Amino acid sequence: MVVGTRLRSFRCSRATRGLARRSLEPIEDDGCVFFGAGGAAIITGLAQSTIGLFIGLTLMGLFASIYHPVGIAWLVQHSEKRGRSLGVSGLFGSLGTAAAAIVAGTLADLVSWRAAFIVPGILVMALGVVFLFYMQAGVIGDHDAVVKDREPEPSAGEMKRAFITLLMTVVCVGMIFQGTTVVLPKIFSERLLAGVPDSAMTAGFLVSLVYLFAAGAQIIGGELADRLPIKRVYLGAQLFLLPVLVAAFLAHSYWIVVFAILLVSLNTGGQSAENMLVARYTPLAWRSRAFGVKFLFSLGVSSLGVALVPLVYGIYGSVGPIFVFFMGFAAVAAICAAFIPSPAQPAKPAAIAPAPTPAEPGTGVSRVQAARNA
């Protein structure tokens, strides 16, 4: 939860972690997340000045940013079923994000705002101790066999094309995701809860409900990515976004909640296929760097989607028209995804004809044929 609460504030360090990938083994990098982010959360909770808060939050963002470029690369490298592994990882990440606001708010109300940092920080460091125990016991670690790609190695041209088109798609999809996170409470208040007392609290509950239901989409998307061509799954998620966004733009009453769930589900459901495509078109030695750049764009550059929300509201007096902008982003994402190279299928071995059986002496008939005639 600590990792989720301040991760977005320091996105640039993702690329830094990816580029510094060789300084530590991947599993040791992941160990730094627990002790670094947990310790930084405690420092933040004990801060007595603005400078102390700045230092604590900066360190929290720095250490929390290690996970995605290193952890996802390590997960892909050692997983037979990559889609399933990425889906499960994404599911727990979404649940942590959904629970973070509730837990932080509860601790702040019952104890103080400091407890909202200190208590999760202690829990994260305790998890770090468990992590180290299993690492020393040999249960987890880089000694595991690397799972090699079954597909033929992509060419340099395919890698460049995939890198460019994936980055453009990632930015567009990220802008939809980031903007949706901010706009949903306001949309619910406008179209569903107008005149309802405590509508802000109810809207927050509905947003949590949307992300709770949508979390399972990552499991579905991961399983589909394991069973179907990766590009087809990823492209399908972008194409289906368009009609869902049109429906969300027109919907009122409780239908807006239904389409919000579909919107977030499609947005997160394609992430497993997206990460598999990044891994597919990146050499193993550069994989962590590639994920660092990918998350820099998906969480950093895509933050422009958040800035778009107040701009649209200021012009139109409502946040509803932002769905039109999202439709444009979804269309660009679908077009870019269509130009991603299709991973080549592994060549099937040619059928081997059975060796002929020797003939019976003096007959010219094989032993097998002789037995059948008998």
Protein backbone atom coordinates (compact mmCIF):
# COMPACT_ATOMS: atom_id res chain seq x y z
CA MET A 1 0.00 0.00 0.00
CA VAL A 2 2.88 2.33 0.74
CA VAL A 3 4.30 1.44 -2.66
CA GLY A 4 1.00 2.38 -4.27
CA THR A 5 0.28 5.66 -2.51
CA ARG A 6 3.30 7.70 -3.65
CA LEU A 7 4.49 5.78 -6.68
CA ARG A 8 3.10 8.27 -9.15
CA SER A 9 4.93 11.26 -7.70
CA PHE A 10 8.39 10.07 -8.76
CA ARG A 11 7.99 8.32 -12.08
CA CYS A 12 11.28 9.38 -13.63
CA SER A 13 13.19 7.10 -11.28
CA ARG A 14 11.69 4.13 -13.12
CA ALA A 15 13.90 4.80 -16.10
CA THR A 16 16.86 5.36 -13.77
CA ARG A 17 16.31 1.97 -12.17
CA GLY A 18 16.03 0.32 -15.56
CA LEU A 19 19.31 1.85 -16.75
CA ALA A 20 21.08 0.91 -13.52
CA ARG A 21 19.79 -2.63 -13.76
CA ARG A 22 23.20 -4.33 -13.73
CA SER A 23 24.29 -2.84 -10.42
CA LEU A 24 22.36 -5.50 -8.49
CA GLU A 25 20.77 -8.81 -9.29
CA PRO A 26 17.01 -8.45 -10.02
CA ILE A 27 15.96 -10.29 -6.90
CA GLU A 28 18.21 -8.07 -4.75
CA ASP A 29 16.66 -5.00 -6.39
CA ASP A 30 13.22 -6.25 -5.37
CA GLY A 31 14.47 -6.70 -1.82
CA CYS A 32 15.39 -3.01 -1.78
CA VAL A 33 11.73 -2.16 -2.40
CA PHE A 34 10.58 -3.50 0.97
CA PHE A 35 13.24 -1.97 3.18
CA GLY A 36 13.67 1.23 1.18
CA ALA A 37 9.99 2.08 0.70
CA GLY A 38 9.04 0.86 4.19
CA GLY A 39 11.81 2.83 5.87
CA ALA A 40 10.96 5.93 3.82
CA ALA A 41 7.32 5.65 4.89
CA ILE A 42 8.38 5.60 8.55
CA ILE A 43 10.64 8.61 7.96
CA THR A 44 7.69 10.43 6.39
CA GLY A 45 5.44 9.61 9.34
CA LEU A 46 8.05 10.91 11.80
CA ALA A 47 8.84 14.07 9.82
CA GLN A 48 8.69 17.33 11.76
CA SER A 49 9.01 19.77 8.85
CA THR A 50 8.20 20.28 5.21
CA ILE A 51 11.76 19.34 4.28
CA GLY A 52 11.40 16.09 6.24
CA LEU A 53 8.19 15.27 4.37
CA PHE A 54 9.88 16.07 1.06
CA ILE A 55 12.82 13.77 1.83
CA GLY A 56 10.60 10.95 3.06
CA LEU A 57 8.20 11.08 0.11
CA THR A 58 11.07 11.37 -2.37
CA LEU A 59 12.78 8.30 -0.96
CA MET A 60 9.47 6.43 -0.92
CA GLY A 61 8.88 7.15 -4.59
CA LEU A 62 12.48 6.30 -5.48
CA PHE A 63 12.45 2.87 -3.83
CA ALA A 64 8.88 2.05 -4.84
CA SER A 65 9.72 2.72 -8.48
CA ILE A 66 12.17 -0.20 -8.48
CA TYR A 67 9.50 -2.87 -8.64
CA HIS A 68 7.98 -2.49 -12.08
CA PRO A 69 11.06 -2.33 -14.33
CA VAL A 70 12.93 -4.99 -12.35
CA GLY A 71 10.15 -7.12 -10.85
CA ILE A 72 8.12 -7.45 -14.06
CA ALA A 73 11.27 -8.31 -16.04
CA TRP A 74 12.23 -10.95 -13.45
CA LEU A 75 8.68 -12.37 -13.49
CA VAL A 76 8.65 -12.64 -17.28
CA GLN A 77 12.12 -14.18 -17.33
CA HIS A 78 11.22 -17.05 -15.00
CA SER A 79 7.58 -17.77 -15.92
CA GLU A 80 6.36 -20.59 -18.13
CA LYS A 81 2.86 -19.07 -18.25
CA ARG A 82 3.75 -15.42 -18.60
CA GLY A 83 0.22 -14.16 -19.09
CA ARG A 84 -1.07 -15.91 -15.99
CA SER A 85 1.86 -14.72 -13.86
CA LEU A 86 1.47 -11.11 -15.04
CA GLY A 87 -2.28 -11.29 -14.51
CA VAL A 88 -1.93 -12.46 -10.91
CA SER A 89 0.72 -9.81 -10.24
CA GLY A 90 -1.51 -7.12 -11.70
CA LEU A 91 -4.50 -8.36 -9.72
CA PHE A 92 -2.72 -7.93 -6.40
CA GLY A 93 -1.35 -4.58 -7.50
CA SER A 94 -4.87 -3.37 -8.27
CA LEU A 95 -6.19 -4.67 -4.97
CA GLY A 96 -3.37 -2.88 -3.14
CA THR A 97 -4.17 0.37 -4.93
CA ALA A 98 -7.86 0.00 -4.12
CA ALA A 99 -7.14 -0.75 -0.46
CA ALA A 100 -4.54 2.00 0.00
CA ALA A 101 -6.99 4.90 0.23
CA ILE A 102 -9.31 3.00 2.59
CA VAL A 103 -6.53 1.87 4.93
CA ALA A 104 -4.81 5.26 4.92
CA GLY A 105 -8.08 7.08 5.57
CA THR A 106 -9.04 4.70 8.39
CA LEU A 107 -5.66 5.02 10.12
CA ALA A 108 -5.74 8.80 9.74
CA ASP A 109 -9.24 9.02 11.26
CA LEU A 110 -8.67 6.54 14.09
CA VAL A 111 -5.08 7.48 15.01
CA SER A 112 -3.40 10.26 13.01
CA TRP A 113 -2.00 10.99 9.57
CA ARG A 114 1.40 9.84 10.82
CA ALA A 115 0.01 6.36 11.50
CA ALA A 116 -1.10 6.20 7.85
CA PHE A 117 2.61 6.15 6.94
CA ILE A 118 4.26 4.45 9.92
CA VAL A 119 1.99 1.39 10.24
CA PRO A 120 2.14 0.39 6.54
CA GLY A 121 5.89 1.13 6.59
CA ILE A 122 6.40 -1.35 9.43
CA LEU A 123 4.30 -3.96 7.62
CA VAL A 124 6.26 -3.51 4.39
CA MET A 125 9.58 -3.94 6.20
CA ALA A 126 8.22 -7.05 7.91
CA LEU A 127 7.37 -8.43 4.48
CA GLY A 128 10.96 -7.63 3.50
CA VAL A 129 12.20 -9.90 6.28
CA VAL A 130 9.96 -12.71 4.99
CA PHE A 131 11.23 -12.04 1.47
CA LEU A 132 14.86 -12.34 2.60
CA PHE A 133 14.10 -15.56 4.49
CA TYR A 134 12.67 -17.22 1.39
CA MET A 135 15.53 -15.89 -0.72
CA GLN A 136 18.15 -17.32 1.67
CA ALA A 137 16.23 -20.60 1.80
CA GLY A 138 16.50 -20.84 -1.98
CA VAL A 139 12.73 -20.78 -2.54
CA ILE A 140 13.03 -17.69 -4.74
CA GLY A 141 16.03 -16.26 -6.55
CA ASP A 142 17.89 -15.81 -9.80
CA HIS A 143 19.11 -19.39 -9.66
CA ASP A 144 15.81 -20.45 -11.25
CA ALA A 145 16.11 -21.54 -14.85
CA VAL A 146 15.45 -18.81 -17.41
CA VAL A 147 12.43 -19.64 -19.55
CA LYS A 148 13.45 -19.10 -23.15
CA ASP A 149 11.13 -17.75 -25.82
CA ARG A 150 9.68 -20.44 -28.06
CA GLU A 151 9.22 -18.01 -30.95
CA PRO A 152 12.03 -17.22 -33.39
CA GLU A 153 14.19 -14.23 -32.48
CA PRO A 154 12.68 -11.01 -33.95
CA SER A 155 14.75 -8.98 -36.37
CA ALA A 156 16.25 -5.58 -35.51
CA GLY A 157 13.68 -3.90 -37.75
CA GLU A 158 10.81 -5.63 -35.95
CA MET A 159 12.21 -4.59 -32.59
CA LYS A 160 12.42 -0.92 -33.63
CA ARG A 161 8.92 -0.96 -35.10
CA ALA A 162 7.49 -2.65 -32.02
CA PHE A 163 9.27 -0.21 -29.70
CA ILE A 164 7.89 2.88 -31.46
CA THR A 165 4.32 1.61 -31.88
CA LEU A 166 4.17 0.22 -28.34
CA LEU A 167 5.34 3.52 -26.84
CA MET A 168 2.66 5.44 -28.73
CA THR A 169 -0.01 2.93 -27.68
CA VAL A 170 1.19 2.96 -24.07
CA VAL A 171 0.94 6.75 -23.87
CA CYS A 172 -2.60 6.83 -25.30
CA VAL A 173 -3.86 3.98 -23.11
CA GLY A 174 -2.12 5.52 -20.10
CA MET A 175 -3.82 8.87 -20.66
CA ILE A 176 -7.20 7.14 -20.68
CA PHE A 177 -6.37 5.23 -17.50
CA GLN A 178 -4.96 8.23 -15.63
CA GLY A 179 -7.80 10.49 -16.71
CA THR A 180 -10.44 7.89 -15.83
CA THR A 181 -9.09 7.58 -12.29
CA VAL A 182 -9.63 11.30 -11.71
CA VAL A 183 -12.83 11.79 -13.68
CA LEU A 184 -14.97 8.91 -12.37
CA PRO A 185 -15.91 10.48 -8.99
CA LYS A 186 -17.04 13.67 -10.73
CA ILE A 187 -18.94 11.74 -13.42
CA PHE A 188 -20.78 9.73 -10.78
CA SER A 189 -21.65 12.90 -8.89
CA GLU A 190 -22.98 14.59 -12.04
CA ARG A 191 -24.94 11.75 -13.61
CA LEU A 192 -25.94 9.51 -10.75
CA LEU A 193 -25.76 11.27 -7.41
CA ALA A 194 -26.99 14.80 -8.15
CA GLY A 195 -28.80 16.08 -5.05
CA VAL A 196 -27.85 13.03 -2.96
CA PRO A 197 -26.48 13.87 0.53
CA ASP A 198 -22.85 12.81 1.11
CA SER A 199 -22.53 12.26 -2.64
CA ALA A 200 -18.73 12.60 -2.47
CA MET A 201 -18.47 9.64 -0.08
CA THR A 202 -20.88 7.58 -2.20
CA ALA A 203 -18.96 8.45 -5.37
CA GLY A 204 -15.71 7.33 -3.73
CA PHE A 205 -17.34 4.04 -2.74
CA LEU A 206 -18.57 3.49 -6.32
CA VAL A 207 -15.09 4.20 -7.72
CA SER A 208 -13.61 1.61 -5.36
CA LEU A 209 -16.32 -0.82 -6.48
CA VAL A 210 -15.43 -0.20 -10.14
CA TYR A 211 -11.75 -0.95 -9.61
CA LEU A 212 -12.54 -3.95 -7.42
CA PHE A 213 -14.64 -5.57 -10.15
CA ALA A 214 -12.17 -4.57 -12.87
CA ALA A 215 -9.20 -6.11 -11.03
CA GLY A 216 -10.19 -9.60 -12.16
CA ALA A 217 -9.89 -8.53 -15.81
CA GLN A 218 -6.12 -8.82 -15.54
CA ILE A 219 -6.42 -12.55 -14.82
CA ILE A 220 -8.69 -12.96 -17.85
CA GLY A 221 -6.38 -10.91 -20.05
CA GLY A 222 -3.36 -12.89 -18.90
CA GLU A 223 -5.01 -16.23 -19.62
CA LEU A 224 -6.08 -15.04 -23.08
CA ALA A 225 -2.53 -13.84 -23.79
CA ASP A 226 -1.23 -17.33 -22.97
CA ARG A 227 -3.75 -19.04 -25.27
CA LEU A 228 -4.14 -16.64 -28.20
CA PRO A 229 -1.72 -14.56 -30.29
CA ILE A 230 -0.50 -11.74 -28.05
CA LYS A 231 -1.05 -8.98 -30.58
CA ARG A 232 -4.65 -10.11 -31.19
CA VAL A 233 -5.44 -9.88 -27.47
CA TYR A 234 -3.80 -6.46 -27.14
CA LEU A 235 -5.40 -5.04 -30.28
CA GLY A 236 -8.80 -6.43 -29.27
CA ALA A 237 -8.62 -4.60 -25.94
CA GLN A 238 -7.97 -1.29 -27.74
CA LEU A 239 -10.72 -1.84 -30.31
CA PHE A 240 -13.36 -2.68 -27.72
CA LEU A 241 -12.47 0.48 -25.80
CA LEU A 242 -14.06 2.64 -28.51
CA PRO A 243 -17.69 1.45 -28.24
CA VAL A 244 -17.45 1.32 -24.44
CA LEU A 245 -16.28 4.95 -24.37
CA VAL A 246 -19.16 5.97 -26.66
CA ALA A 247 -21.61 4.20 -24.34
CA ALA A 248 -20.04 5.82 -21.26
CA PHE A 249 -20.33 9.24 -22.90
CA LEU A 250 -24.08 8.71 -23.43
CA ALA A 251 -24.92 6.76 -20.26
CA HIS A 252 -26.72 8.07 -17.18
CA SER A 253 -28.12 6.49 -14.01
CA TYR A 254 -26.51 3.23 -12.89
CA TRP A 255 -25.53 2.38 -16.45
CA ILE A 256 -22.58 4.72 -16.09
CA VAL A 257 -21.23 2.43 -13.35
CA VAL A 258 -21.57 -0.61 -15.61
CA PHE A 259 -19.71 1.04 -18.48
CA ALA A 260 -17.08 2.39 -16.08
CA ILE A 261 -16.37 -1.19 -14.99
CA LEU A 262 -16.07 -2.28 -18.64
CA LEU A 263 -13.83 0.68 -19.42
CA VAL A 264 -11.39 0.02 -16.58
CA SER A 265 -11.52 -3.74 -17.25
CA LEU A 266 -10.46 -3.32 -20.87
CA ASN A 267 -7.81 -0.79 -19.90
CA THR A 268 -6.21 -3.08 -17.32
CA GLY A 269 -7.04 -6.37 -19.03
CA GLY A 270 -4.65 -5.63 -21.88
CA GLN A 271 -1.68 -4.90 -19.61
CA SER A 272 -0.51 -8.51 -19.45
CA ALA A 273 -0.40 -8.74 -23.24
CA GLU A 274 1.31 -5.35 -23.36
CA ASN A 275 4.08 -6.48 -21.00
CA MET A 276 4.47 -9.72 -22.93
CA LEU A 277 4.93 -7.75 -26.15
CA VAL A 278 7.58 -5.58 -24.49
CA ALA A 279 9.40 -8.71 -23.35
CA ARG A 280 9.02 -10.34 -26.76
CA TYR A 281 10.64 -7.49 -28.68
CA THR A 282 13.40 -6.66 -26.20
CA PRO A 283 16.70 -8.54 -25.82
CA LEU A 284 17.06 -10.19 -22.42
CA ALA A 285 19.99 -7.97 -21.42
CA TRP A 286 17.92 -4.83 -22.04
CA ARG A 287 14.57 -6.03 -20.73
CA SER A 288 14.63 -4.16 -17.41
CA ARG A 289 15.66 -0.97 -19.20
CA ALA A 290 12.79 -1.41 -21.65
CA PHE A 291 10.28 -1.84 -18.84
CA GLY A 292 11.74 1.23 -17.12
CA VAL A 293 11.12 3.33 -20.24
CA LYS A 294 7.68 1.77 -20.72
CA PHE A 295 6.52 2.65 -17.21
CA LEU A 296 8.06 6.10 -17.48
CA PHE A 297 5.77 6.76 -20.45
CA SER A 298 2.70 4.93 -19.12
CA LEU A 299 2.77 6.60 -15.69
CA GLY A 300 4.79 9.74 -16.39
CA VAL A 301 3.99 11.20 -19.80
CA SER A 302 0.43 9.86 -19.55
CA SER A 303 -0.16 12.08 -16.52
CA LEU A 304 -1.21 14.68 -19.08
CA GLY A 305 -4.53 12.84 -19.02
CA VAL A 306 -5.02 14.09 -15.46
CA ALA A 307 -4.28 17.70 -16.48
CA LEU A 308 -6.91 17.37 -19.21
CA VAL A 309 -9.75 16.89 -16.71
CA PRO A 310 -9.82 20.42 -15.18
CA LEU A 311 -9.20 21.90 -18.63
CA VAL A 312 -12.30 20.20 -20.06
CA TYR A 313 -14.37 21.12 -17.01
CA GLY A 314 -13.30 24.76 -17.27
CA ILE A 315 -14.35 24.97 -20.94
CA TYR A 316 -17.58 22.96 -20.91
CA GLY A 317 -18.70 23.20 -17.27
CA SER A 318 -18.88 19.41 -17.16
CA VAL A 319 -16.39 16.53 -17.30
CA GLY A 320 -18.57 14.47 -19.63
CA PRO A 321 -16.94 15.74 -22.87
CA ILE A 322 -13.63 14.25 -21.77
CA PHE A 323 -14.91 10.91 -23.06
CA VAL A 324 -14.69 12.38 -26.58
CA PHE A 325 -10.98 13.01 -26.02
CA PHE A 326 -10.64 9.47 -24.65
CA MET A 327 -12.25 8.17 -27.86
CA GLY A 328 -9.55 9.93 -29.86
CA PHE A 329 -6.82 8.41 -27.68
CA ALA A 330 -8.40 4.96 -28.04
CA ALA A 331 -8.55 5.32 -31.85
CA VAL A 332 -4.85 6.28 -32.02
CA ALA A 333 -3.99 3.40 -29.65
CA ALA A 334 -5.88 0.91 -31.84
CA ILE A 335 -4.18 2.16 -35.03
CA CYS A 336 -0.73 1.95 -33.42
CA ALA A 337 -1.46 -1.49 -31.98
CA ALA A 338 -2.41 -2.69 -35.45
CA PHE A 339 1.11 -1.84 -36.67
CA ILE A 340 2.85 -3.80 -33.91
CA PRO A 341 4.63 -6.76 -35.56
CA SER A 342 2.89 -10.07 -35.07
CA PRO A 343 5.13 -12.48 -33.14
CA ALA A 344 6.19 -15.32 -35.41
CA GLN A 345 4.84 -18.71 -34.49
CA PRO A 346 7.38 -21.44 -33.72
CA ALA A 347 8.01 -23.68 -36.69
CA LYS A 348 6.42 -27.10 -36.42
CA PRO A 349 8.75 -30.03 -37.02
CA ALA A 350 8.11 -31.87 -40.26
CA ALA A 351 6.43 -35.23 -39.99
CA ILE A 352 8.93 -38.07 -40.16
CA ALA A 353 7.88 -41.00 -42.33
CA PRO A 354 8.27 -44.40 -40.68
CA ALA A 355 11.26 -46.42 -41.86
CA PRO A 356 10.32 -49.26 -44.26
CA THR A 357 10.43 -52.75 -42.79
CA PRO A 358 12.79 -55.25 -44.43
CA ALA A 359 11.30 -57.75 -46.88
CA GLU A 360 11.02 -61.50 -46.23
CA PRO A 361 13.86 -63.37 -47.96
CA GLY A 362 12.90 -64.51 -51.43
CA THR A 363 9.38 -63.01 -51.38
CA GLY A 364 9.84 -59.26 -51.94
CA VAL A 365 7.08 -58.71 -49.36
CA SER A 366 7.76 -56.93 -46.08
CA ARG A 367 7.32 -58.80 -42.82
CA VAL A 368 4.46 -56.49 -41.84
CA GLN A 369 2.60 -57.10 -45.12
CA ALA A 370 3.24 -60.84 -44.81
CA ALA A 371 1.73 -60.85 -41.33
CA ARG A 372 -1.34 -58.98 -42.61
CA ASN A 373 -1.79 -61.44 -45.51
CA ALA A 374 -1.58 -64.32 -43.08
